[in-house]
C-alpha atoms as a PDB file:
ATOM      1  CA  UNK A   1       0.000   0.000   0.000  1.00  0.00           C
ATOM      2  CA  UNK A   2       1.297   3.418  -1.000  1.00  0.00           C
ATOM      3  CA  UNK A   3       0.592   6.847   0.478  1.00  0.00           C
ATOM      4  CA  UNK A   4      -1.068   9.746  -1.301  1.00  0.00           C
ATOM      5  CA  UNK A   5      -1.890  13.303  -0.263  1.00  0.00           C
ATOM      6  CA  UNK A   6      -5.115  15.152  -1.002  1.00  0.00           C
ATOM      7  CA  UNK A   7      -4.713  18.938  -0.955  1.00  0.00           C
ATOM      8  CA  UNK A   8      -8.468  19.434  -1.257  1.00  0.00           C
ATOM      9  CA  UNK A   9      -9.945  22.621  -2.655  1.00  0.00           C
ATOM     10  CA  UNK A  10      -7.782  25.643  -3.358  1.00  0.00           C
ATOM     11  CA  UNK A  11      -9.343  28.524  -1.461  1.00  0.00           C
ATOM     12  CA  UNK A  12     -10.327  26.395   1.551  1.00  0.00           C
ATOM     13  CA  UNK A  13      -7.868  28.177   3.832  1.00  0.00           C
ATOM     14  CA  UNK A  14      -4.669  26.159   3.392  1.00  0.00           C
ATOM     15  CA  UNK A  15      -3.571  27.807   0.157  1.00  0.00           C
ATOM     16  CA  UNK A  16      -0.247  29.116   1.421  1.00  0.00           C
ATOM     17  CA  UNK A  17       0.759  25.710   2.779  1.00  0.00           C
ATOM     18  CA  UNK A  18      -0.398  23.583  -0.160  1.00  0.00           C
ATOM     19  CA  UNK A  19       2.790  23.855  -2.169  1.00  0.00           C
ATOM     20  CA  UNK A  20       4.950  23.198   0.883  1.00  0.00           C
ATOM     21  CA  UNK A  21       2.938  20.064   1.661  1.00  0.00           C
ATOM     22  CA  UNK A  22       3.165  18.874  -1.944  1.00  0.00           C
ATOM     23  CA  UNK A  23       6.931  19.342  -1.895  1.00  0.00           C
ATOM     24  CA  UNK A  24       7.143  17.508   1.416  1.00  0.00           C
ATOM     25  CA  UNK A  25       5.117  14.616  -0.004  1.00  0.00           C
ATOM     26  CA  UNK A  26       7.474  14.516  -2.988  1.00  0.00           C
ATOM     27  CA  UNK A  27      10.521  14.356  -0.707  1.00  0.00           C
ATOM     28  CA  UNK A  28       8.974  11.693   1.527  1.00  0.00           C
ATOM     29  CA  UNK A  29       8.213   9.372  -1.380  1.00  0.00           C
ATOM     30  CA  UNK A  30       4.444   9.732  -1.497  1.00  0.00           C
ATOM     31  CA  UNK A  31       2.892   8.182  -4.574  1.00  0.00           C
ATOM     32  CA  UNK A  32       0.517  10.950  -5.645  1.00  0.00           C
ATOM     33  CA  UNK A  33      -0.788  14.409  -4.770  1.00  0.00           C
ATOM     34  CA  UNK A  34      -4.462  14.945  -5.579  1.00  0.00           C
ATOM     35  CA  UNK A  35      -6.308  18.238  -6.090  1.00  0.00           C
ATOM     36  CA  UNK A  36     -10.073  18.787  -6.040  1.00  0.00           C
ATOM     37  CA  UNK A  37     -12.468  21.263  -7.631  1.00  0.00           C
ATOM     38  CA  UNK A  38     -16.076  22.278  -6.971  1.00  0.00           C
ATOM     39  CA  UNK A  39     -17.205  25.777  -7.935  1.00  0.00           C
ATOM     40  CA  UNK A  40     -14.118  27.734  -6.933  1.00  0.00           C
ATOM     41  CA  UNK A  41     -10.643  27.019  -8.211  1.00  0.00           C
ATOM     42  CA  UNK A  42     -10.115  24.580 -11.043  1.00  0.00           C
ATOM     43  CA  UNK A  43      -7.934  21.537 -10.471  1.00  0.00           C
ATOM     44  CA  UNK A  44      -5.734  21.618 -13.616  1.00  0.00           C
ATOM     45  CA  UNK A  45      -4.234  25.032 -12.854  1.00  0.00           C
ATOM     46  CA  UNK A  46      -3.244  23.977  -9.349  1.00  0.00           C
ATOM     47  CA  UNK A  47      -1.925  20.638 -10.627  1.00  0.00           C
ATOM     48  CA  UNK A  48       0.300  22.373 -13.176  1.00  0.00           C
ATOM     49  CA  UNK A  49       1.613  24.632 -10.396  1.00  0.00           C
ATOM     50  CA  UNK A  50       2.402  21.612  -8.204  1.00  0.00           C
ATOM     51  CA  UNK A  51       3.923  19.610 -11.056  1.00  0.00           C
ATOM     52  CA  UNK A  52       6.297  22.438 -11.921  1.00  0.00           C
ATOM     53  CA  UNK A  53       7.765  22.405  -8.424  1.00  0.00           C
ATOM     54  CA  UNK A  54       7.975  18.675  -7.718  1.00  0.00           C
ATOM     55  CA  UNK A  55      10.006  15.979  -9.402  1.00  0.00           C
ATOM     56  CA  UNK A  56       8.743  12.453  -8.776  1.00  0.00           C
ATOM     57  CA  UNK A  57       5.334  12.421  -7.081  1.00  0.00           C
ATOM     58  CA  UNK A  58       2.355  11.864  -9.367  1.00  0.00           C
ATOM     59  CA  UNK A  59      -0.294  14.577  -9.677  1.00  0.00           C
ATOM     60  CA  UNK A  60      -3.959  13.669  -9.876  1.00  0.00           C
ATOM     61  CA  UNK A  61      -7.373  15.242 -10.252  1.00  0.00           C
ATOM     62  CA  UNK A  62      -9.759  14.141  -7.546  1.00  0.00           C
ATOM     63  CA  UNK A  63     -11.813  15.002  -9.395  1.00  0.00           C
ATOM     64  CA  UNK A  64     -12.319  16.826 -12.687  1.00  0.00           C
ATOM     65  CA  UNK A  65     -16.058  17.427 -12.964  1.00  0.00           C
ATOM     66  CA  UNK A  66     -17.628  15.736 -15.960  1.00  0.00           C
ATOM     67  CA  UNK A  67     -20.290  18.436 -16.475  1.00  0.00           C
ATOM     68  CA  UNK A  68     -17.636  21.172 -16.451  1.00  0.00           C
ATOM     69  CA  UNK A  69     -15.869  20.151 -19.665  1.00  0.00           C
ATOM     70  CA  UNK A  70     -16.513  18.366 -22.913  1.00  0.00           C
ATOM     71  CA  UNK A  71     -14.727  15.017 -23.058  1.00  0.00           C
ATOM     72  CA  UNK A  72     -12.453  16.395 -25.760  1.00  0.00           C
ATOM     73  CA  UNK A  73     -11.453  19.300 -23.509  1.00  0.00           C
ATOM     74  CA  UNK A  74     -10.688  16.861 -20.690  1.00  0.00           C
ATOM     75  CA  UNK A  75      -8.522  14.789 -23.032  1.00  0.00           C
ATOM     76  CA  UNK A  76      -6.624  17.943 -24.020  1.00  0.00           C
ATOM     77  CA  UNK A  77      -6.093  18.834 -20.354  1.00  0.00           C
ATOM     78  CA  UNK A  78      -4.983  15.305 -19.451  1.00  0.00           C
ATOM     79  CA  UNK A  79      -2.523  15.118 -22.328  1.00  0.00           C
ATOM     80  CA  UNK A  80      -1.096  18.543 -21.521  1.00  0.00           C
ATOM     81  CA  UNK A  81      -0.669  17.831 -17.800  1.00  0.00           C
ATOM     82  CA  UNK A  82       0.907  14.459 -18.535  1.00  0.00           C
ATOM     83  CA  UNK A  83       3.355  16.081 -20.923  1.00  0.00           C
ATOM     84  CA  UNK A  84       4.234  18.967 -18.591  1.00  0.00           C
ATOM     85  CA  UNK A  85       4.735  16.601 -15.649  1.00  0.00           C
ATOM     86  CA  UNK A  86       6.762  14.125 -17.734  1.00  0.00           C
ATOM     87  CA  UNK A  87       4.290  11.295 -17.317  1.00  0.00           C
ATOM     88  CA  UNK A  88       3.015  11.874 -13.773  1.00  0.00           C
ATOM     89  CA  UNK A  89      -0.670  12.685 -14.305  1.00  0.00           C
ATOM     90  CA  UNK A  90      -3.627  10.600 -13.110  1.00  0.00           C
ATOM     91  CA  UNK A  91      -7.075  11.519 -14.426  1.00  0.00           C
ATOM     92  CA  UNK A  92      -9.797  11.346 -11.784  1.00  0.00           C
ATOM     93  CA  UNK A  93     -13.343  12.025 -12.989  1.00  0.00           C
ATOM     94  CA  UNK A  94     -16.715  12.453 -11.305  1.00  0.00           C
ATOM     95  CA  UNK A  95     -20.231  13.556 -12.215  1.00  0.00           C
ATOM     96  CA  UNK A  96     -20.424  15.951  -9.231  1.00  0.00           C
ATOM     97  CA  UNK A  97     -23.997  16.369  -7.969  1.00  0.00           C
ATOM     98  CA  UNK A  98     -27.266  17.820  -9.250  1.00  0.00           C
ATOM     99  CA  UNK A  99     -26.873  21.167  -7.498  1.00  0.00           C
ATOM    100  CA  UNK A 100     -23.434  21.894  -8.939  1.00  0.00           C
ATOM    101  CA  UNK A 101     -24.070  20.264 -12.317  1.00  0.00           C
ATOM    102  CA  UNK A 102     -27.318  22.119 -12.966  1.00  0.00           C
ATOM    103  CA  UNK A 103     -26.767  25.229 -10.842  1.00  0.00           C
ATOM    104  CA  UNK A 104     -23.175  26.024 -11.765  1.00  0.00           C
ATOM    105  CA  UNK A 105     -22.537  24.320 -15.109  1.00  0.00           C
ATOM    106  CA  UNK A 106     -26.059  24.332 -16.562  1.00  0.00           C
ATOM    107  CA  UNK A 107     -25.874  20.629 -17.371  1.00  0.00           C
ATOM    108  CA  UNK A 108     -28.841  18.422 -16.522  1.00  0.00           C
ATOM    109  CA  UNK A 109     -28.013  15.751 -13.966  1.00  0.00           C
ATOM    110  CA  UNK A 110     -29.652  12.995 -15.960  1.00  0.00           C
ATOM    111  CA  UNK A 111     -28.436   9.459 -16.609  1.00  0.00           C
ATOM    112  CA  UNK A 112     -25.110   9.977 -14.795  1.00  0.00           C
ATOM    113  CA  UNK A 113     -24.114   6.344 -15.323  1.00  0.00           C
ATOM    114  CA  UNK A 114     -24.567   6.357 -19.099  1.00  0.00           C
ATOM    115  CA  UNK A 115     -23.067   9.833 -19.378  1.00  0.00           C
ATOM    116  CA  UNK A 116     -19.960   8.722 -17.497  1.00  0.00           C
ATOM    117  CA  UNK A 117     -19.495   5.644 -19.689  1.00  0.00           C
ATOM    118  CA  UNK A 118     -19.744   7.685 -22.885  1.00  0.00           C
ATOM    119  CA  UNK A 119     -17.515  10.416 -21.476  1.00  0.00           C
ATOM    120  CA  UNK A 120     -14.748   7.948 -20.641  1.00  0.00           C
ATOM    121  CA  UNK A 121     -15.146   6.342 -24.075  1.00  0.00           C
ATOM    122  CA  UNK A 122     -14.508   9.652 -25.822  1.00  0.00           C
ATOM    123  CA  UNK A 123     -11.672  10.725 -23.528  1.00  0.00           C
ATOM    124  CA  UNK A 124      -9.950   7.367 -23.972  1.00  0.00           C
ATOM    125  CA  UNK A 125     -10.280   7.444 -27.744  1.00  0.00           C
ATOM    126  CA  UNK A 126      -8.860  10.955 -27.867  1.00  0.00           C
ATOM    127  CA  UNK A 127      -5.926  10.022 -25.624  1.00  0.00           C
ATOM    128  CA  UNK A 128      -5.189   7.050 -27.884  1.00  0.00           C
ATOM    129  CA  UNK A 129      -4.878   9.707 -30.599  1.00  0.00           C
ATOM    130  CA  UNK A 130      -7.583   8.157 -32.705  1.00  0.00           C
ATOM    131  CA  UNK A 131      -9.739  10.275 -34.957  1.00  0.00           C
ATOM    132  CA  UNK A 132     -12.644  10.847 -32.602  1.00  0.00           C
ATOM    133  CA  UNK A 133     -15.947   9.762 -34.079  1.00  0.00           C
ATOM    134  CA  UNK A 134     -18.661   8.849 -31.584  1.00  0.00           C
ATOM    135  CA  UNK A 135     -22.391   8.320 -31.645  1.00  0.00           C
ATOM    136  CA  UNK A 136     -23.954   8.079 -28.210  1.00  0.00           C
ATOM    137  CA  UNK A 137     -27.056   9.185 -26.391  1.00  0.00           C
ATOM    138  CA  UNK A 138     -25.175  12.009 -24.691  1.00  0.00           C
ATOM    139  CA  UNK A 139     -22.206  12.762 -26.928  1.00  0.00           C
ATOM    140  CA  UNK A 140     -22.043  12.858 -30.720  1.00  0.00           C
ATOM    141  CA  UNK A 141     -18.797  13.725 -32.477  1.00  0.00           C
ATOM    142  CA  UNK A 142     -18.663  15.203 -34.975  1.00  0.00           C
ATOM    143  CA  UNK A 143     -22.130  16.725 -35.161  1.00  0.00           C
ATOM    144  CA  UNK A 144     -23.899  15.115 -38.132  1.00  0.00           C
ATOM    145  CA  UNK A 145     -25.505  18.229 -39.591  1.00  0.00           C
ATOM    146  CA  UNK A 146     -22.626  20.660 -39.859  1.00  0.00           C
ATOM    147  CA  UNK A 147     -19.117  21.224 -41.176  1.00  0.00           C
ATOM    148  CA  UNK A 148     -17.337  19.468 -38.317  1.00  0.00           C
ATOM    149  CA  UNK A 149     -15.055  16.518 -39.002  1.00  0.00           C
ATOM    150  CA  UNK A 150     -13.409  13.842 -36.882  1.00  0.00           C
ATOM    151  CA  UNK A 151     -10.171  15.201 -35.427  1.00  0.00           C
ATOM    152  CA  UNK A 152      -7.145  13.690 -33.744  1.00  0.00           C
ATOM    153  CA  UNK A 153      -5.432  15.064 -30.634  1.00  0.00           C
ATOM    154  CA  UNK A 154      -2.266  16.836 -31.748  1.00  0.00           C
ATOM    155  CA  UNK A 155      -0.471  16.525 -28.392  1.00  0.00           C
ATOM    156  CA  UNK A 156       1.496  13.345 -27.724  1.00  0.00           C
ATOM    157  CA  UNK A 157       1.117  12.323 -24.071  1.00  0.00           C
ATOM    158  CA  UNK A 158       4.263  10.946 -22.474  1.00  0.00           C
ATOM    159  CA  UNK A 159       2.590   7.590 -21.801  1.00  0.00           C
ATOM    160  CA  UNK A 160       0.501   5.447 -24.066  1.00  0.00           C
ATOM    161  CA  UNK A 161      -2.111   5.143 -21.332  1.00  0.00           C
ATOM    162  CA  UNK A 162      -3.017   7.779 -18.725  1.00  0.00           C
ATOM    163  CA  UNK A 163      -4.652   6.106 -15.689  1.00  0.00           C
ATOM    164  CA  UNK A 164      -8.328   6.986 -15.288  1.00  0.00           C
ATOM    165  CA  UNK A 165     -10.034   6.941 -11.904  1.00  0.00           C
ATOM    166  CA  UNK A 166     -13.711   7.368 -11.092  1.00  0.00           C
ATOM    167  CA  UNK A 167     -15.285   8.785  -7.955  1.00  0.00           C
ATOM    168  CA  UNK A 168     -18.163   6.394  -7.334  1.00  0.00           C
ATOM    169  CA  UNK A 169     -20.523   5.865  -4.407  1.00  0.00           C
ATOM    170  CA  UNK A 170     -23.640   4.001  -5.525  1.00  0.00           C
ATOM    171  CA  UNK A 171     -23.714   0.295  -6.439  1.00  0.00           C
ATOM    172  CA  UNK A 172     -24.172   0.774 -10.194  1.00  0.00           C
ATOM    173  CA  UNK A 173     -21.460   3.418 -10.384  1.00  0.00           C
ATOM    174  CA  UNK A 174     -19.140   1.086  -8.518  1.00  0.00           C
ATOM    175  CA  UNK A 175     -19.775  -1.645 -11.066  1.00  0.00           C
ATOM    176  CA  UNK A 176     -19.074   0.806 -13.872  1.00  0.00           C
ATOM    177  CA  UNK A 177     -15.824   1.830 -12.191  1.00  0.00           C
ATOM    178  CA  UNK A 178     -14.730  -1.773 -11.936  1.00  0.00           C
ATOM    179  CA  UNK A 179     -15.524  -2.272 -15.601  1.00  0.00           C
ATOM    180  CA  UNK A 180     -13.977   0.772 -17.283  1.00  0.00           C
ATOM    181  CA  UNK A 181     -11.568   2.540 -14.904  1.00  0.00           C
ATOM    182  CA  UNK A 182      -8.017   1.984 -13.686  1.00  0.00           C
ATOM    183  CA  UNK A 183      -8.830   3.102 -10.158  1.00  0.00           C
ATOM    184  CA  UNK A 184     -11.528   4.050  -7.659  1.00  0.00           C
ATOM    185  CA  UNK A 185     -11.624   7.269  -5.617  1.00  0.00           C
ATOM    186  CA  UNK A 186     -13.909   6.604  -2.639  1.00  0.00           C
ATOM    187  CA  UNK A 187     -14.735   8.911   0.274  1.00  0.00           C
ATOM    188  CA  UNK A 188     -15.864   7.813   3.730  1.00  0.00           C
ATOM    189  CA  UNK A 189     -14.264   4.446   3.032  1.00  0.00           C
ATOM    190  CA  UNK A 190     -14.336   2.158   6.055  1.00  0.00           C
ATOM    191  CA  UNK A 191     -12.488  -1.180   6.134  1.00  0.00           C
ATOM    192  CA  UNK A 192     -15.249  -2.605   8.297  1.00  0.00           C
ATOM    193  CA  UNK A 193     -18.045  -1.559   5.938  1.00  0.00           C
ATOM    194  CA  UNK A 194     -16.423  -1.927   2.509  1.00  0.00           C
ATOM    195  CA  UNK A 195     -17.260  -5.531   1.617  1.00  0.00           C
ATOM    196  CA  UNK A 196     -20.441  -4.734  -0.316  1.00  0.00           C
ATOM    197  CA  UNK A 197     -18.789  -1.856  -2.177  1.00  0.00           C
ATOM    198  CA  UNK A 198     -15.911  -4.095  -3.175  1.00  0.00           C
ATOM    199  CA  UNK A 199     -18.336  -6.777  -4.335  1.00  0.00           C
ATOM    200  CA  UNK A 200     -19.900  -4.280  -6.756  1.00  0.00           C
ATOM    201  CA  UNK A 201     -16.460  -3.143  -7.888  1.00  0.00           C
ATOM    202  CA  UNK A 202     -15.390  -6.745  -8.408  1.00  0.00           C
ATOM    203  CA  UNK A 203     -18.520  -7.540 -10.410  1.00  0.00           C
ATOM    204  CA  UNK A 204     -17.699  -4.719 -12.793  1.00  0.00           C
ATOM    205  CA  UNK A 205     -14.087  -5.828 -13.102  1.00  0.00           C
ATOM    206  CA  UNK A 206     -15.206  -9.339 -13.972  1.00  0.00           C
ATOM    207  CA  UNK A 207     -17.345  -7.935 -16.788  1.00  0.00           C
ATOM    208  CA  UNK A 208     -14.110  -6.605 -18.256  1.00  0.00           C
ATOM    209  CA  UNK A 209     -12.409  -9.968 -17.811  1.00  0.00           C
ATOM    210  CA  UNK A 210     -10.123  -8.961 -14.971  1.00  0.00           C
ATOM    211  CA  UNK A 211      -9.842  -9.131 -11.203  1.00  0.00           C
ATOM    212  CA  UNK A 212     -10.164  -6.537  -8.482  1.00  0.00           C
ATOM    213  CA  UNK A 213      -6.382  -6.425  -8.200  1.00  0.00           C
ATOM    214  CA  UNK A 214      -6.285  -4.654 -11.570  1.00  0.00           C
ATOM    215  CA  UNK A 215      -7.683  -1.501  -9.922  1.00  0.00           C
ATOM    216  CA  UNK A 216      -5.983   1.047  -7.705  1.00  0.00           C
ATOM    217  CA  UNK A 217      -8.307   1.545  -4.728  1.00  0.00           C
ATOM    218  CA  UNK A 218      -7.418   5.020  -3.487  1.00  0.00           C
ATOM    219  CA  UNK A 219      -9.680   6.452  -0.769  1.00  0.00           C
ATOM    220  CA  UNK A 220      -9.137   9.892   0.691  1.00  0.00           C
ATOM    221  CA  UNK A 221      -8.990   9.521   4.480  1.00  0.00           C
ATOM    222  CA  UNK A 222      -8.866  12.356   7.049  1.00  0.00           C
ATOM    223  CA  UNK A 223      -5.689  12.226   9.140  1.00  0.00           C
ATOM    224  CA  UNK A 224      -5.438  13.801  12.603  1.00  0.00           C
ATOM    225  CA  UNK A 225      -2.541  12.642  14.809  1.00  0.00           C
ATOM    226  CA  UNK A 226      -2.706  13.304  18.538  1.00  0.00           C
ATOM    227  CA  UNK A 227      -2.718  11.779  21.995  1.00  0.00           C
ATOM    228  CA  UNK A 228      -6.495  11.299  22.314  1.00  0.00           C
ATOM    229  CA  UNK A 229      -8.198   9.948  19.197  1.00  0.00           C
ATOM    230  CA  UNK A 230     -11.599  11.134  20.416  1.00  0.00           C
ATOM    231  CA  UNK A 231     -10.360  14.717  20.566  1.00  0.00           C
ATOM    232  CA  UNK A 232      -8.757  14.262  17.144  1.00  0.00           C
ATOM    233  CA  UNK A 233     -12.130  13.163  15.758  1.00  0.00           C
ATOM    234  CA  UNK A 234     -13.613  16.581  16.528  1.00  0.00           C
ATOM    235  CA  UNK A 235     -11.393  18.088  13.814  1.00  0.00           C
ATOM    236  CA  UNK A 236     -13.251  16.023  11.197  1.00  0.00           C
ATOM    237  CA  UNK A 237     -16.795  16.771  12.378  1.00  0.00           C
ATOM    238  CA  UNK A 238     -17.383  19.872  10.249  1.00  0.00           C
ATOM    239  CA  UNK A 239     -16.279  18.043   7.098  1.00  0.00           C
ATOM    240  CA  UNK A 240     -18.453  15.012   7.819  1.00  0.00           C
ATOM    241  CA  UNK A 241     -21.472  17.142   8.706  1.00  0.00           C
ATOM    242  CA  UNK A 242     -21.141  19.134   5.485  1.00  0.00           C
ATOM    243  CA  UNK A 243     -21.115  16.023   3.319  1.00  0.00           C
ATOM    244  CA  UNK A 244     -23.742  14.018   5.191  1.00  0.00           C
ATOM    245  CA  UNK A 245     -25.984  17.014   5.733  1.00  0.00           C
ATOM    246  CA  UNK A 246     -25.412  19.587   3.034  1.00  0.00           C
ATOM    247  CA  UNK A 247     -23.949  17.975  -0.090  1.00  0.00           C
ATOM    248  CA  UNK A 248     -27.139  17.637  -2.071  1.00  0.00           C
ATOM    249  CA  UNK A 249     -30.834  18.039  -1.417  1.00  0.00           C
ATOM    250  CA  UNK A 250     -32.857  16.339   1.276  1.00  0.00           C
ATOM    251  CA  UNK A 251     -33.894  13.652  -1.194  1.00  0.00           C
ATOM    252  CA  UNK A 252     -30.645  13.350  -3.139  1.00  0.00           C
ATOM    253  CA  UNK A 253     -27.518  13.276  -1.009  1.00  0.00           C
ATOM    254  CA  UNK A 254     -25.260  10.428  -2.118  1.00  0.00           C
ATOM    255  CA  UNK A 255     -23.002  10.681   0.937  1.00  0.00           C
ATOM    256  CA  UNK A 256     -25.951  10.499   3.287  1.00  0.00           C
ATOM    257  CA  UNK A 257     -27.171   7.392   1.492  1.00  0.00           C
ATOM    258  CA  UNK A 258     -23.719   5.863   1.860  1.00  0.00           C
ATOM    259  CA  UNK A 259     -23.793   6.456   5.618  1.00  0.00           C
ATOM    260  CA  UNK A 260     -27.199   4.774   5.711  1.00  0.00           C
ATOM    261  CA  UNK A 261     -25.837   1.726   3.897  1.00  0.00           C
ATOM    262  CA  UNK A 262     -23.021   1.626   6.452  1.00  0.00           C
ATOM    263  CA  UNK A 263     -25.560   1.291   9.263  1.00  0.00           C
ATOM    264  CA  UNK A 264     -25.744   4.917  10.416  1.00  0.00           C
ATOM    265  CA  UNK A 265     -29.203   5.723   9.012  1.00  0.00           C
ATOM    266  CA  UNK A 266     -30.684   7.335  12.123  1.00  0.00           C
ATOM    267  CA  UNK A 267     -27.652   9.497  12.760  1.00  0.00           C
ATOM    268  CA  UNK A 268     -27.382  10.449   9.076  1.00  0.00           C
ATOM    269  CA  UNK A 269     -30.992  11.598   9.095  1.00  0.00           C
ATOM    270  CA  UNK A 270     -30.382  13.701  12.198  1.00  0.00           C
ATOM    271  CA  UNK A 271     -27.238  15.259  10.753  1.00  0.00           C
ATOM    272  CA  UNK A 272     -29.094  16.191   7.563  1.00  0.00           C
ATOM    273  CA  UNK A 273     -32.122  17.546   9.385  1.00  0.00           C
ATOM    274  CA  UNK A 274     -30.022  19.826  11.551  1.00  0.00           C
ATOM    275  CA  UNK A 275     -27.703  20.889   8.744  1.00  0.00           C
ATOM    276  CA  UNK A 276     -30.539  21.867   6.430  1.00  0.00           C
ATOM    277  CA  UNK A 277     -32.090  23.808   9.315  1.00  0.00           C
ATOM    278  CA  UNK A 278     -28.760  25.700   9.551  1.00  0.00           C
ATOM    279  CA  UNK A 279     -28.018  24.213  12.956  1.00  0.00           C
ATOM    280  CA  UNK A 280     -24.452  23.476  11.965  1.00  0.00           C
ATOM    281  CA  UNK A 281     -23.167  22.952  15.487  1.00  0.00           C
ATOM    282  CA  UNK A 282     -25.968  20.485  16.126  1.00  0.00           C
ATOM    283  CA  UNK A 283     -25.216  18.682  12.869  1.00  0.00           C
ATOM    284  CA  UNK A 284     -21.556  18.373  13.793  1.00  0.00           C
ATOM    285  CA  UNK A 285     -22.420  17.004  17.217  1.00  0.00           C
ATOM    286  CA  UNK A 286     -24.785  14.452  15.672  1.00  0.00           C
ATOM    287  CA  UNK A 287     -22.078  12.801  13.567  1.00  0.00           C
ATOM    288  CA  UNK A 288     -21.375   9.516  15.386  1.00  0.00           C
ATOM    289  CA  UNK A 289     -17.916   9.100  16.835  1.00  0.00           C
ATOM    290  CA  UNK A 290     -17.949   5.564  15.456  1.00  0.00           C
ATOM    291  CA  UNK A 291     -18.485   6.866  11.917  1.00  0.00           C
ATOM    292  CA  UNK A 292     -15.597   9.314  12.222  1.00  0.00           C
ATOM    293  CA  UNK A 293     -13.289   6.638  13.592  1.00  0.00           C
ATOM    294  CA  UNK A 294     -14.270   4.113  10.930  1.00  0.00           C
ATOM    295  CA  UNK A 295     -13.493   6.514   8.080  1.00  0.00           C
ATOM    296  CA  UNK A 296     -10.474   8.425   9.441  1.00  0.00           C
ATOM    297  CA  UNK A 297      -6.955   7.982  10.828  1.00  0.00           C
ATOM    298  CA  UNK A 298      -7.005   9.360  14.355  1.00  0.00           C
ATOM    299  CA  UNK A 299      -4.785   9.429  17.415  1.00  0.00           C
ATOM    300  CA  UNK A 300      -1.274   8.222  18.297  1.00  0.00           C
ATOM    301  CA  UNK A 301       1.066   6.878  15.626  1.00  0.00           C
ATOM    302  CA  UNK A 302       0.647   3.255  16.673  1.00  0.00           C
ATOM    303  CA  UNK A 303      -3.139   3.545  16.518  1.00  0.00           C
ATOM    304  CA  UNK A 304      -2.900   5.097  13.054  1.00  0.00           C
ATOM    305  CA  UNK A 305      -0.578   2.257  12.040  1.00  0.00           C
ATOM    306  CA  UNK A 306      -3.156  -0.315  13.151  1.00  0.00           C
ATOM    307  CA  UNK A 307      -5.857   1.444  11.134  1.00  0.00           C
ATOM    308  CA  UNK A 308      -3.575   1.606   8.100  1.00  0.00           C
ATOM    309  CA  UNK A 309      -3.156  -2.167   8.332  1.00  0.00           C
ATOM    310  CA  UNK A 310      -6.936  -2.489   8.365  1.00  0.00           C
ATOM    311  CA  UNK A 311      -7.250  -0.344   5.238  1.00  0.00           C
ATOM    312  CA  UNK A 312      -4.632  -2.440   3.474  1.00  0.00           C
ATOM    313  CA  UNK A 313      -6.406  -5.597   4.564  1.00  0.00           C
ATOM    314  CA  UNK A 314      -9.615  -4.294   3.020  1.00  0.00           C
ATOM    315  CA  UNK A 315      -7.929  -3.922  -0.364  1.00  0.00           C
ATOM    316  CA  UNK A 316      -6.736  -0.314  -0.350  1.00  0.00           C
ATOM    317  CA  UNK A 317      -3.670   0.129  -2.544  1.00  0.00           C
ATOM    318  CA  UNK A 318      -3.185   3.913  -2.338  1.00  0.00           C
ATOM    319  CA  UNK A 319      -4.113   5.420   1.025  1.00  0.00           C
ATOM    320  CA  UNK A 320      -4.590   9.120   0.370  1.00  0.00           C
ATOM    321  CA  UNK A 321      -4.392  11.167   3.539  1.00  0.00           C
ATOM    322  CA  UNK A 322      -6.075  14.531   4.016  1.00  0.00           C
ATOM    323  CA  UNK A 323      -4.479  16.243   7.031  1.00  0.00           C
ATOM    324  CA  UNK A 324      -7.127  17.974   9.155  1.00  0.00           C
ATOM    325  CA  UNK A 325      -4.545  19.896  11.140  1.00  0.00           C
ATOM    326  CA  UNK A 326      -3.201  23.413  11.484  1.00  0.00           C
ATOM    327  CA  UNK A 327      -1.156  24.195   8.355  1.00  0.00           C
ATOM    328  CA  UNK A 328       1.935  24.699  10.523  1.00  0.00           C
ATOM    329  CA  UNK A 329       1.690  21.035  11.515  1.00  0.00           C
ATOM    330  CA  UNK A 330       1.268  19.785   7.966  1.00  0.00           C
ATOM    331  CA  UNK A 331       4.851  18.658   7.350  1.00  0.00           C
ATOM    332  CA  UNK A 332       5.084  16.736  10.619  1.00  0.00           C
ATOM    333  CA  UNK A 333       1.692  15.160   9.958  1.00  0.00           C
ATOM    334  CA  UNK A 334       2.938  13.817   6.618  1.00  0.00           C
ATOM    335  CA  UNK A 335       6.014  12.410   8.355  1.00  0.00           C
ATOM    336  CA  UNK A 336       3.749  10.800  10.963  1.00  0.00           C
ATOM    337  CA  UNK A 337       1.865   9.028   8.183  1.00  0.00           C
ATOM    338  CA  UNK A 338       5.125   7.635   6.809  1.00  0.00           C
ATOM    339  CA  UNK A 339       6.180   6.396  10.249  1.00  0.00           C
ATOM    340  CA  UNK A 340       2.768   4.828  10.797  1.00  0.00           C
ATOM    341  CA  UNK A 341       2.889   3.060   7.449  1.00  0.00           C
ATOM    342  CA  UNK A 342       6.314   1.667   8.309  1.00  0.00           C
ATOM    343  CA  UNK A 343       4.997   0.352  11.628  1.00  0.00           C
ATOM    344  CA  UNK A 344       1.883  -1.099  10.021  1.00  0.00           C
ATOM    345  CA  UNK A 345       3.893  -3.728   8.184  1.00  0.00           C
ATOM    346  CA  UNK A 346       2.085  -3.154   4.870  1.00  0.00           C
ATOM    347  CA  UNK A 347       4.478  -0.698   3.210  1.00  0.00           C
END
């Protein structure tokens, strides 16, 4: 199992320390540095900035939003970043959610499964430098009633194949990920609750004639070192409450549904009810300690090492840490993760 680092969203308050943490991860031998986007900064700009000032660590989008770009534009971005980084780019994709897709990008959040499949088809064809001609329900290239013609990407990526990852939560999306992607980008991954998710992922992989070991399973996991793991868990409460309570509508929150499938249905409902009523403190308090512990790395180094072993035992191959600490403690937190991985016996 390898270590990754997720820098999250640019503009979330850690901007000044992001580059320093990326450089530290590069020096410590981390496998990849991921960058996210929502409706603030875009990921590719930040990734290019990080790539220019690191030498060996991979850079990855976790994720590029599918409704934000045409598949051809994403292929152009992927090829450019892979070239600029000398073959270090990993392409993470996700459909986002209905509020961002329709409210920010003006793209209907319909048939996300079929849209994702077609999107990856077009991106992959473009990155293979084929003349892109595609007839789907969601994407048609070139348009049949105009002067457009099938074109080939003019940039030569460093590698013949750029790894593609999907952010998937629901059962059908997990099967699709297993079938068409090189890796999976889960959130709120818990070793104790992952068996059903992995079954769906495996079923998709078998459709493609391969095993689960063909995929890089790369969850982003909050990391908070400290003496008392229960106190450390409080640093993750705001993040968990936002996702379980506010990421989506009352009827369509994929993270809330995930918590329900994990056995936290009553608590998830309470978190959402309070969050949507703008009782943010109450929503944070309602997040179960057991949920935070199951999906995070909390406490002393040895305890973190034990949890890392559990993640590896559940099939995780790239453990991406997201430090929920003061930026001044970021470098030491990354070193703590390395020490914990060494002690875990799964490095």
